[in-house]
Amino acid sequence: MDWQRIAALAVVAGTAGVFLTRAWPHRRKFSFERQTHCGCGAGQGGAGHSVLYHARKGRRAQVIVKMK
């Protein structure tokens, strides 16, 4: 192998190493449902509806409220 291939492989290996080491220590966010197996998520006992906003270029915007 000539020195250019070795340099290119070193750059690729270094970049892969940086991505792997940065992704390794990240922890998952705390989820009440997942950690306690309760099923009653914090903050889900509220309004009981969702709002969808749908718009396309050249058409009227639509706001759709879905009741659960």
Protein backbone atom coordinates (compact mmCIF):
# COMPACT_ATOMS: atom_id res chain seq x y z
CA MET A 1 0.00 0.00 0.00
CA ASP A 2 1.17 3.47 -0.70
CA TRP A 3 1.10 6.22 1.93
CA GLN A 4 -2.12 7.82 0.55
CA ARG A 5 -4.19 4.69 1.14
CA ILE A 6 -2.80 4.35 4.64
CA ALA A 7 -3.60 8.00 5.37
CA ALA A 8 -7.15 7.62 4.00
CA LEU A 9 -7.77 4.48 6.07
CA ALA A 10 -6.41 6.23 9.16
CA VAL A 11 -8.82 9.14 8.64
CA VAL A 12 -11.77 6.77 8.20
CA ALA A 13 -10.79 4.71 11.26
CA GLY A 14 -10.32 7.86 13.34
CA THR A 15 -13.73 9.22 12.32
CA ALA A 16 -15.43 5.90 13.11
CA GLY A 17 -13.67 5.82 16.48
CA VAL A 18 -14.86 9.33 17.33
CA PHE A 19 -18.47 8.48 16.43
CA LEU A 20 -18.39 5.25 18.44
CA THR A 21 -16.90 6.83 21.55
CA ARG A 22 -19.33 9.75 21.46
CA ALA A 23 -22.38 7.48 21.12
CA TRP A 24 -21.26 5.01 23.79
CA PRO A 25 -21.79 6.95 27.07
CA HIS A 26 -25.17 8.50 26.18
CA ARG A 27 -27.89 7.19 28.45
CA ARG A 28 -31.54 6.82 27.58
CA LYS A 29 -33.99 9.38 28.87
CA PHE A 30 -35.94 8.34 31.95
CA SER A 31 -39.36 6.97 31.06
CA PHE A 32 -41.79 6.47 33.93
CA GLU A 33 -43.69 3.80 31.99
CA ARG A 34 -40.56 1.85 31.04
CA GLN A 35 -38.84 2.04 34.43
CA THR A 36 -41.84 1.29 36.67
CA HIS A 37 -44.05 -0.77 34.32
CA CYS A 38 -46.99 1.30 35.52
CA GLY A 39 -48.58 2.32 32.24
CA CYS A 40 -49.75 5.64 33.59
CA GLY A 41 -47.37 8.17 32.09
CA ALA A 42 -46.80 11.43 33.88
CA GLY A 43 -48.66 14.26 32.19
CA GLN A 44 -50.99 12.08 30.11
CA GLY A 45 -54.07 12.62 32.20
CA GLY A 46 -54.73 16.02 30.64
CA ALA A 47 -57.04 17.21 27.88
CA GLY A 48 -57.44 13.98 25.92
CA HIS A 49 -57.18 15.44 22.43
CA SER A 50 -54.61 16.14 19.75
CA VAL A 51 -54.32 18.99 17.29
CA LEU A 52 -53.15 18.46 13.70
CA TYR A 53 -52.15 21.39 11.50
CA HIS A 54 -52.10 20.51 7.81
CA ALA A 55 -51.08 23.03 5.15
CA ARG A 56 -49.95 22.82 1.54
CA LYS A 57 -48.71 25.48 -0.80
CA GLY A 58 -51.59 27.09 -2.70
CA ARG A 59 -54.31 25.48 -0.54
CA ARG A 60 -56.15 26.43 2.62
CA ALA A 61 -54.64 25.42 5.93
CA GLN A 62 -56.57 22.89 8.00
CA VAL A 63 -56.63 22.59 11.76
CA ILE A 64 -58.02 19.21 12.86
CA VAL A 65 -58.80 18.45 16.51
CA LYS A 66 -59.09 14.75 17.32
CA MET A 67 -60.78 13.79 20.55
CA LYS A 68 -59.51 10.62 22.19
